Amino acid sequence: MDKTHFYEVNLLWNAATQGTLCSPKIASKIEVKTPPEFTNGTKEKWTPEHLFIAAVNSCLMSTFLLVADNSKLPFVSFACNAVGKIEKINGKYGVTEIVLKPTLIIPSTQNESKAKKVLEMSEKACAIANSIKTKVTLEPIITIQ
């Protein structure tokens, strides 16, 4: 596998505070809007802030799947709640922290400490988390089934 990869995302402004994200490699599109906390923002729509936090969250999952496979860690299910904190510091808004709360269910034949280590390794290897200055905190919940 090459060490360099490129991902193209295009945006088309539609009207007011709305745009559409698309990629030449993906059939589906995502409608994005300004968040409701800002002028002319809209509720119940995907915002740049949601997508930023989603990028970290989905990267954790993708990395976890790879690390779990390489570590031979079978699991029953994986889900992750992510909450991003936006603050105004020195007159500028920024996402200052993202708390990732993965919930991992493992079979009774597996070791909880190994599962925790795999989650921690996944967070450390996540390309998106490694690319941002935002503090990323991992708060795993591991259940044995």
C-alpha atoms as a PDB file:
ATOM      1  CA  MET A   1       0.000   0.000   0.000  1.00  0.00           C
ATOM      2  CA  ASP A   2       1.316   3.456  -0.896  1.00  0.00           C
ATOM      3  CA  LYS A   3       2.226   5.866   1.886  1.00  0.00           C
ATOM      4  CA  THR A   4       0.439   8.816   0.245  1.00  0.00           C
ATOM      5  CA  HIS A   5      -3.305   9.008  -0.347  1.00  0.00           C
ATOM      6  CA  PHE A   6      -5.590  11.747  -1.659  1.00  0.00           C
ATOM      7  CA  TYR A   7      -9.274  12.309  -0.863  1.00  0.00           C
ATOM      8  CA  GLU A   8     -11.264  14.795  -2.936  1.00  0.00           C
ATOM      9  CA  VAL A   9     -14.343  16.509  -1.513  1.00  0.00           C
ATOM     10  CA  ASN A  10     -16.251  19.183  -3.407  1.00  0.00           C
ATOM     11  CA  LEU A  11     -18.718  21.719  -2.053  1.00  0.00           C
ATOM     12  CA  LEU A  12     -21.456  23.521  -3.945  1.00  0.00           C
ATOM     13  CA  TRP A  13     -23.204  26.454  -2.249  1.00  0.00           C
ATOM     14  CA  ASN A  14     -26.953  26.086  -2.759  1.00  0.00           C
ATOM     15  CA  ALA A  15     -28.668  29.027  -1.033  1.00  0.00           C
ATOM     16  CA  ALA A  16     -28.612  31.040   2.199  1.00  0.00           C
ATOM     17  CA  THR A  17     -26.418  29.017   4.602  1.00  0.00           C
ATOM     18  CA  GLN A  18     -26.690  25.664   2.817  1.00  0.00           C
ATOM     19  CA  GLY A  19     -24.308  23.681   0.642  1.00  0.00           C
ATOM     20  CA  THR A  20     -23.866  20.158  -0.690  1.00  0.00           C
ATOM     21  CA  LEU A  21     -20.758  18.027  -0.214  1.00  0.00           C
ATOM     22  CA  CYS A  22     -19.881  15.410  -2.787  1.00  0.00           C
ATOM     23  CA  SER A  23     -16.925  13.418  -4.036  1.00  0.00           C
ATOM     24  CA  PRO A  24     -16.205  12.001  -7.479  1.00  0.00           C
ATOM     25  CA  LYS A  25     -15.628   8.599  -5.794  1.00  0.00           C
ATOM     26  CA  ILE A  26     -18.883   8.528  -3.747  1.00  0.00           C
ATOM     27  CA  ALA A  27     -22.436   8.356  -5.074  1.00  0.00           C
ATOM     28  CA  SER A  28     -24.188   9.878  -2.047  1.00  0.00           C
ATOM     29  CA  LYS A  29     -24.127  13.566  -1.088  1.00  0.00           C
ATOM     30  CA  ILE A  30     -24.306  15.387   2.243  1.00  0.00           C
ATOM     31  CA  GLU A  31     -26.279  18.559   2.813  1.00  0.00           C
ATOM     32  CA  VAL A  32     -24.523  20.938   5.212  1.00  0.00           C
ATOM     33  CA  LYS A  33     -25.663  24.137   6.861  1.00  0.00           C
ATOM     34  CA  THR A  34     -24.460  26.748   9.303  1.00  0.00           C
ATOM     35  CA  PRO A  35     -25.131  25.617  12.899  1.00  0.00           C
ATOM     36  CA  PRO A  36     -28.082  27.191  14.739  1.00  0.00           C
ATOM     37  CA  GLU A  37     -25.806  28.948  17.235  1.00  0.00           C
ATOM     38  CA  PHE A  38     -24.587  31.276  14.471  1.00  0.00           C
ATOM     39  CA  THR A  39     -26.401  33.903  12.370  1.00  0.00           C
ATOM     40  CA  ASN A  40     -28.938  32.329   9.978  1.00  0.00           C
ATOM     41  CA  GLY A  41     -27.998  28.869  11.244  1.00  0.00           C
ATOM     42  CA  THR A  42     -30.367  25.930  10.934  1.00  0.00           C
ATOM     43  CA  LYS A  43     -31.372  23.207  13.406  1.00  0.00           C
ATOM     44  CA  GLU A  44     -31.351  19.491  12.685  1.00  0.00           C
ATOM     45  CA  LYS A  45     -28.890  19.609   9.784  1.00  0.00           C
ATOM     46  CA  TRP A  46     -25.305  18.421   9.442  1.00  0.00           C
ATOM     47  CA  THR A  47     -22.848  21.231  10.141  1.00  0.00           C
ATOM     48  CA  PRO A  48     -19.078  21.562   9.627  1.00  0.00           C
ATOM     49  CA  GLU A  49     -18.715  21.001  13.375  1.00  0.00           C
ATOM     50  CA  HIS A  50     -20.649  17.724  13.224  1.00  0.00           C
ATOM     51  CA  LEU A  51     -18.576  16.557  10.261  1.00  0.00           C
ATOM     52  CA  PHE A  52     -15.293  17.424  12.007  1.00  0.00           C
ATOM     53  CA  ILE A  53     -16.275  15.407  15.072  1.00  0.00           C
ATOM     54  CA  ALA A  54     -17.657  12.633  12.845  1.00  0.00           C
ATOM     55  CA  ALA A  55     -14.313  12.448  11.030  1.00  0.00           C
ATOM     56  CA  VAL A  56     -12.496  11.737  14.302  1.00  0.00           C
ATOM     57  CA  ASN A  57     -15.188   9.290  15.433  1.00  0.00           C
ATOM     58  CA  SER A  58     -15.327   7.324  12.181  1.00  0.00           C
ATOM     59  CA  CYS A  59     -11.518   7.287  11.969  1.00  0.00           C
ATOM     60  CA  LEU A  60     -11.392   5.700  15.423  1.00  0.00           C
ATOM     61  CA  MET A  61     -13.783   2.990  14.228  1.00  0.00           C
ATOM     62  CA  SER A  62     -11.848   2.312  11.019  1.00  0.00           C
ATOM     63  CA  THR A  63      -8.562   2.172  12.887  1.00  0.00           C
ATOM     64  CA  PHE A  64     -10.063  -0.015  15.621  1.00  0.00           C
ATOM     65  CA  LEU A  65     -11.303  -2.526  13.037  1.00  0.00           C
ATOM     66  CA  LEU A  66      -7.790  -2.816  11.606  1.00  0.00           C
ATOM     67  CA  VAL A  67      -6.022  -2.982  14.976  1.00  0.00           C
ATOM     68  CA  ALA A  68      -8.547  -5.495  16.376  1.00  0.00           C
ATOM     69  CA  ASP A  69      -8.054  -7.707  13.334  1.00  0.00           C
ATOM     70  CA  ASN A  70      -4.254  -7.494  13.565  1.00  0.00           C
ATOM     71  CA  SER A  71      -4.449  -8.178  17.324  1.00  0.00           C
ATOM     72  CA  LYS A  72      -6.790 -11.113  16.805  1.00  0.00           C
ATOM     73  CA  LEU A  73      -9.404  -9.537  19.069  1.00  0.00           C
ATOM     74  CA  PRO A  74     -12.874 -10.843  18.261  1.00  0.00           C
ATOM     75  CA  PHE A  75     -15.733  -8.606  19.355  1.00  0.00           C
ATOM     76  CA  VAL A  76     -19.521  -8.697  19.330  1.00  0.00           C
ATOM     77  CA  SER A  77     -20.195  -5.026  18.680  1.00  0.00           C
ATOM     78  CA  PHE A  78     -18.611  -1.585  18.521  1.00  0.00           C
ATOM     79  CA  ALA A  79     -20.366   1.773  18.859  1.00  0.00           C
ATOM     80  CA  CYS A  80     -18.942   5.165  19.716  1.00  0.00           C
ATOM     81  CA  ASN A  81     -20.456   8.378  21.033  1.00  0.00           C
ATOM     82  CA  ALA A  82     -18.397  11.503  20.329  1.00  0.00           C
ATOM     83  CA  VAL A  83     -18.960  14.927  21.842  1.00  0.00           C
ATOM     84  CA  GLY A  84     -17.064  17.973  20.658  1.00  0.00           C
ATOM     85  CA  LYS A  85     -16.592  21.120  22.713  1.00  0.00           C
ATOM     86  CA  ILE A  86     -16.431  24.448  20.889  1.00  0.00           C
ATOM     87  CA  GLU A  87     -15.106  27.474  22.712  1.00  0.00           C
ATOM     88  CA  LYS A  88     -14.252  31.039  21.855  1.00  0.00           C
ATOM     89  CA  ILE A  89     -10.636  31.630  22.838  1.00  0.00           C
ATOM     90  CA  ASN A  90      -8.776  34.854  22.064  1.00  0.00           C
ATOM     91  CA  GLY A  91     -11.713  35.961  19.924  1.00  0.00           C
ATOM     92  CA  LYS A  92     -11.746  32.812  17.756  1.00  0.00           C
ATOM     93  CA  TYR A  93     -14.030  29.785  17.836  1.00  0.00           C
ATOM     94  CA  GLY A  94     -12.443  26.363  17.791  1.00  0.00           C
ATOM     95  CA  VAL A  95     -13.146  22.751  18.659  1.00  0.00           C
ATOM     96  CA  THR A  96     -11.042  22.479  21.813  1.00  0.00           C
ATOM     97  CA  GLU A  97     -11.880  18.923  22.858  1.00  0.00           C
ATOM     98  CA  ILE A  98     -13.501  15.779  21.504  1.00  0.00           C
ATOM     99  CA  VAL A  99     -14.475  13.048  23.961  1.00  0.00           C
ATOM    100  CA  LEU A 100     -14.777   9.623  22.349  1.00  0.00           C
ATOM    101  CA  LYS A 101     -16.796   7.072  24.299  1.00  0.00           C
ATOM    102  CA  PRO A 102     -16.498   3.773  22.452  1.00  0.00           C
ATOM    103  CA  THR A 103     -18.681   0.948  23.712  1.00  0.00           C
ATOM    104  CA  LEU A 104     -17.125  -2.399  22.927  1.00  0.00           C
ATOM    105  CA  ILE A 105     -18.787  -5.727  23.633  1.00  0.00           C
ATOM    106  CA  ILE A 106     -16.412  -8.669  23.652  1.00  0.00           C
ATOM    107  CA  PRO A 107     -17.116 -12.385  24.059  1.00  0.00           C
ATOM    108  CA  SER A 108     -16.482 -14.018  27.452  1.00  0.00           C
ATOM    109  CA  THR A 109     -13.451 -15.760  25.971  1.00  0.00           C
ATOM    110  CA  GLN A 110     -11.641 -12.430  25.624  1.00  0.00           C
ATOM    111  CA  ASN A 111      -9.596 -10.372  28.055  1.00  0.00           C
ATOM    112  CA  GLU A 112     -10.929  -6.905  28.981  1.00  0.00           C
ATOM    113  CA  SER A 113      -7.434  -5.427  29.386  1.00  0.00           C
ATOM    114  CA  LYS A 114      -6.472  -6.570  25.879  1.00  0.00           C
ATOM    115  CA  ALA A 115      -9.632  -4.950  24.498  1.00  0.00           C
ATOM    116  CA  LYS A 116      -8.815  -1.696  26.296  1.00  0.00           C
ATOM    117  CA  LYS A 117      -5.256  -1.782  24.939  1.00  0.00           C
ATOM    118  CA  VAL A 118      -6.575  -2.306  21.381  1.00  0.00           C
ATOM    119  CA  LEU A 119      -8.890   0.720  21.767  1.00  0.00           C
ATOM    120  CA  GLU A 120      -6.028   2.860  23.109  1.00  0.00           C
ATOM    121  CA  MET A 121      -3.734   1.768  20.265  1.00  0.00           C
ATOM    122  CA  SER A 122      -6.509   2.632  17.803  1.00  0.00           C
ATOM    123  CA  GLU A 123      -6.885   6.146  19.200  1.00  0.00           C
ATOM    124  CA  LYS A 124      -3.114   6.695  19.031  1.00  0.00           C
ATOM    125  CA  ALA A 125      -2.976   5.471  15.414  1.00  0.00           C
ATOM    126  CA  CYS A 126      -6.030   7.417  14.162  1.00  0.00           C
ATOM    127  CA  ALA A 127      -4.840   9.564  11.224  1.00  0.00           C
ATOM    128  CA  ILE A 128      -7.510  12.230  11.729  1.00  0.00           C
ATOM    129  CA  ALA A 129      -6.887  12.606  15.474  1.00  0.00           C
ATOM    130  CA  ASN A 130      -3.160  12.806  14.731  1.00  0.00           C
ATOM    131  CA  SER A 131      -3.812  15.637  12.253  1.00  0.00           C
ATOM    132  CA  ILE A 132      -5.587  18.072  14.545  1.00  0.00           C
ATOM    133  CA  LYS A 133      -4.639  20.264  17.496  1.00  0.00           C
ATOM    134  CA  THR A 134      -7.904  19.472  19.312  1.00  0.00           C
ATOM    135  CA  LYS A 135      -7.519  17.462  22.519  1.00  0.00           C
ATOM    136  CA  VAL A 136      -8.973  13.969  21.992  1.00  0.00           C
ATOM    137  CA  THR A 137      -9.984  12.022  25.103  1.00  0.00           C
ATOM    138  CA  LEU A 138     -10.857   8.317  25.067  1.00  0.00           C
ATOM    139  CA  GLU A 139     -13.363   7.010  27.626  1.00  0.00           C
ATOM    140  CA  PRO A 140     -13.969   3.355  26.662  1.00  0.00           C
ATOM    141  CA  ILE A 141     -16.764   1.189  27.998  1.00  0.00           C
ATOM    142  CA  ILE A 142     -16.019  -2.517  27.638  1.00  0.00           C
ATOM    143  CA  THR A 143     -18.650  -5.143  28.335  1.00  0.00           C
ATOM    144  CA  ILE A 144     -18.083  -8.886  28.387  1.00  0.00           C
ATOM    145  CA  GLN A 145     -20.911 -10.936  26.947  1.00  0.00           C
END
